[in-house]
């Protein structure tokens, strides 16, 4: 399950359907471009609280899952604790894997 989700994140990044990073995600959330937020379990409490509150205010689905190292490695970047997805198909596939 976990490996499949990480592979889906890598595919989303390569296809241009993934936004990563603290400030970039905030920018795209405010533009209503993100439909799913993935927040790393080991993100700081302030980061978790801020993004959960933003997600609730903007009615965006969110999950707290994985750790920063796994998430960052899956998308080929360093030190990412927040990832946004804007494609319905990727979101459906990720959520389906989490339900298994």
C-alpha atoms as a PDB file:
ATOM      1  CA  UNK A   1       0.000   0.000   0.000  1.00  0.00           C
ATOM      2  CA  UNK A   2       2.585   2.551   1.108  1.00  0.00           C
ATOM      3  CA  UNK A   3       4.865   1.936  -1.865  1.00  0.00           C
ATOM      4  CA  UNK A   4       1.967   2.296  -4.301  1.00  0.00           C
ATOM      5  CA  UNK A   5       0.976   5.652  -2.790  1.00  0.00           C
ATOM      6  CA  UNK A   6       4.562   6.866  -2.992  1.00  0.00           C
ATOM      7  CA  UNK A   7       4.725   5.774  -6.644  1.00  0.00           C
ATOM      8  CA  UNK A   8       1.461   7.614  -7.342  1.00  0.00           C
ATOM      9  CA  UNK A   9       2.963  10.764  -5.806  1.00  0.00           C
ATOM     10  CA  UNK A  10       5.996  10.409  -8.080  1.00  0.00           C
ATOM     11  CA  UNK A  11       3.737  10.030 -11.119  1.00  0.00           C
ATOM     12  CA  UNK A  12       1.690  13.054 -10.058  1.00  0.00           C
ATOM     13  CA  UNK A  13       4.893  15.109  -9.765  1.00  0.00           C
ATOM     14  CA  UNK A  14       6.115  14.062 -13.213  1.00  0.00           C
ATOM     15  CA  UNK A  15       2.724  14.813 -14.763  1.00  0.00           C
ATOM     16  CA  UNK A  16       2.558  18.293 -13.226  1.00  0.00           C
ATOM     17  CA  UNK A  17      -0.353  17.531 -10.879  1.00  0.00           C
ATOM     18  CA  UNK A  18       1.548  17.892  -7.613  1.00  0.00           C
ATOM     19  CA  UNK A  19       2.473  21.007  -5.644  1.00  0.00           C
ATOM     20  CA  UNK A  20       4.965  20.757  -2.798  1.00  0.00           C
ATOM     21  CA  UNK A  21       6.402  23.001  -0.148  1.00  0.00           C
ATOM     22  CA  UNK A  22       5.009  25.201   2.589  1.00  0.00           C
ATOM     23  CA  UNK A  23       4.685  28.560   0.798  1.00  0.00           C
ATOM     24  CA  UNK A  24       3.809  27.110  -2.591  1.00  0.00           C
ATOM     25  CA  UNK A  25       0.969  25.058  -1.118  1.00  0.00           C
ATOM     26  CA  UNK A  26      -0.403  28.085   0.739  1.00  0.00           C
ATOM     27  CA  UNK A  27      -0.354  30.075  -2.522  1.00  0.00           C
ATOM     28  CA  UNK A  28      -2.206  27.361  -4.460  1.00  0.00           C
ATOM     29  CA  UNK A  29      -4.680  26.729  -1.641  1.00  0.00           C
ATOM     30  CA  UNK A  30      -5.628  30.404  -1.721  1.00  0.00           C
ATOM     31  CA  UNK A  31      -6.095  30.145  -5.498  1.00  0.00           C
ATOM     32  CA  UNK A  32      -8.347  27.074  -4.976  1.00  0.00           C
ATOM     33  CA  UNK A  33      -6.036  24.876  -7.079  1.00  0.00           C
ATOM     34  CA  UNK A  34      -5.403  22.090  -4.533  1.00  0.00           C
ATOM     35  CA  UNK A  35      -8.003  19.388  -3.972  1.00  0.00           C
ATOM     36  CA  UNK A  36      -6.070  17.088  -1.598  1.00  0.00           C
ATOM     37  CA  UNK A  37      -3.413  17.965   0.976  1.00  0.00           C
ATOM     38  CA  UNK A  38      -0.983  15.391   2.302  1.00  0.00           C
ATOM     39  CA  UNK A  39       0.717  16.489   5.505  1.00  0.00           C
ATOM     40  CA  UNK A  40       3.666  14.495   6.866  1.00  0.00           C
ATOM     41  CA  UNK A  41       3.133  12.919  10.267  1.00  0.00           C
ATOM     42  CA  UNK A  42       6.477  14.300  11.445  1.00  0.00           C
ATOM     43  CA  UNK A  43       5.767  17.868  10.310  1.00  0.00           C
ATOM     44  CA  UNK A  44       5.903  20.439  13.090  1.00  0.00           C
ATOM     45  CA  UNK A  45       2.738  20.909  15.119  1.00  0.00           C
ATOM     46  CA  UNK A  46       2.436  24.495  13.830  1.00  0.00           C
ATOM     47  CA  UNK A  47       2.610  23.298  10.223  1.00  0.00           C
ATOM     48  CA  UNK A  48       0.001  20.594  10.830  1.00  0.00           C
ATOM     49  CA  UNK A  49      -2.347  23.010  12.591  1.00  0.00           C
ATOM     50  CA  UNK A  50      -1.966  25.697   9.927  1.00  0.00           C
ATOM     51  CA  UNK A  51      -2.628  23.378   6.979  1.00  0.00           C
ATOM     52  CA  UNK A  52      -5.444  21.486   8.661  1.00  0.00           C
ATOM     53  CA  UNK A  53      -7.137  24.803   9.446  1.00  0.00           C
ATOM     54  CA  UNK A  54      -6.591  26.032   5.860  1.00  0.00           C
ATOM     55  CA  UNK A  55      -8.019  22.762   4.516  1.00  0.00           C
ATOM     56  CA  UNK A  56     -11.079  22.999   6.743  1.00  0.00           C
ATOM     57  CA  UNK A  57     -11.672  26.662   5.837  1.00  0.00           C
ATOM     58  CA  UNK A  58     -11.353  25.989   2.087  1.00  0.00           C
ATOM     59  CA  UNK A  59     -13.175  22.616   2.267  1.00  0.00           C
ATOM     60  CA  UNK A  60     -10.155  20.695   0.955  1.00  0.00           C
ATOM     61  CA  UNK A  61      -9.644  17.015   1.750  1.00  0.00           C
ATOM     62  CA  UNK A  62      -6.519  16.359   3.771  1.00  0.00           C
ATOM     63  CA  UNK A  63      -4.642  13.429   5.221  1.00  0.00           C
ATOM     64  CA  UNK A  64      -1.813  13.251   7.722  1.00  0.00           C
ATOM     65  CA  UNK A  65       0.285  10.400   6.368  1.00  0.00           C
ATOM     66  CA  UNK A  66       3.883   9.291   5.884  1.00  0.00           C
ATOM     67  CA  UNK A  67       6.995  11.091   6.953  1.00  0.00           C
ATOM     68  CA  UNK A  68       8.956  13.933   5.399  1.00  0.00           C
ATOM     69  CA  UNK A  69      11.767  11.696   4.177  1.00  0.00           C
ATOM     70  CA  UNK A  70       9.448   9.271   2.343  1.00  0.00           C
ATOM     71  CA  UNK A  71       7.307  12.006   0.829  1.00  0.00           C
ATOM     72  CA  UNK A  72      10.313  14.049  -0.268  1.00  0.00           C
ATOM     73  CA  UNK A  73      12.102  11.059  -1.761  1.00  0.00           C
ATOM     74  CA  UNK A  74       9.003   9.934  -3.685  1.00  0.00           C
ATOM     75  CA  UNK A  75       8.813  13.266  -5.515  1.00  0.00           C
ATOM     76  CA  UNK A  76      12.567  13.742  -5.918  1.00  0.00           C
ATOM     77  CA  UNK A  77      12.886  16.742  -3.617  1.00  0.00           C
ATOM     78  CA  UNK A  78      14.287  17.506  -0.183  1.00  0.00           C
ATOM     79  CA  UNK A  79      12.547  18.296   3.096  1.00  0.00           C
ATOM     80  CA  UNK A  80       8.896  18.502   2.008  1.00  0.00           C
ATOM     81  CA  UNK A  81       6.295  18.178   4.731  1.00  0.00           C
ATOM     82  CA  UNK A  82       3.263  19.335   2.730  1.00  0.00           C
ATOM     83  CA  UNK A  83       2.116  18.102  -0.674  1.00  0.00           C
ATOM     84  CA  UNK A  84      -0.915  19.205  -2.663  1.00  0.00           C
ATOM     85  CA  UNK A  85      -2.604  17.274  -5.471  1.00  0.00           C
ATOM     86  CA  UNK A  86      -4.901  18.904  -8.010  1.00  0.00           C
ATOM     87  CA  UNK A  87      -5.949  15.943 -10.187  1.00  0.00           C
ATOM     88  CA  UNK A  88      -9.137  13.978  -9.381  1.00  0.00           C
ATOM     89  CA  UNK A  89      -7.779  10.704 -10.770  1.00  0.00           C
ATOM     90  CA  UNK A  90      -4.646  10.779  -8.626  1.00  0.00           C
ATOM     91  CA  UNK A  91      -6.726  11.759  -5.588  1.00  0.00           C
ATOM     92  CA  UNK A  92      -9.130   8.852  -6.152  1.00  0.00           C
ATOM     93  CA  UNK A  93      -6.271   6.366  -6.552  1.00  0.00           C
ATOM     94  CA  UNK A  94      -4.470   7.615  -3.410  1.00  0.00           C
ATOM     95  CA  UNK A  95      -7.617   7.580  -1.278  1.00  0.00           C
ATOM     96  CA  UNK A  96      -8.547   4.114  -2.567  1.00  0.00           C
ATOM     97  CA  UNK A  97      -5.124   2.800  -1.515  1.00  0.00           C
ATOM     98  CA  UNK A  98      -5.469   4.340   1.923  1.00  0.00           C
ATOM     99  CA  UNK A  99      -8.813   2.598   2.435  1.00  0.00           C
ATOM    100  CA  UNK A 100      -7.300  -0.847   1.786  1.00  0.00           C
END
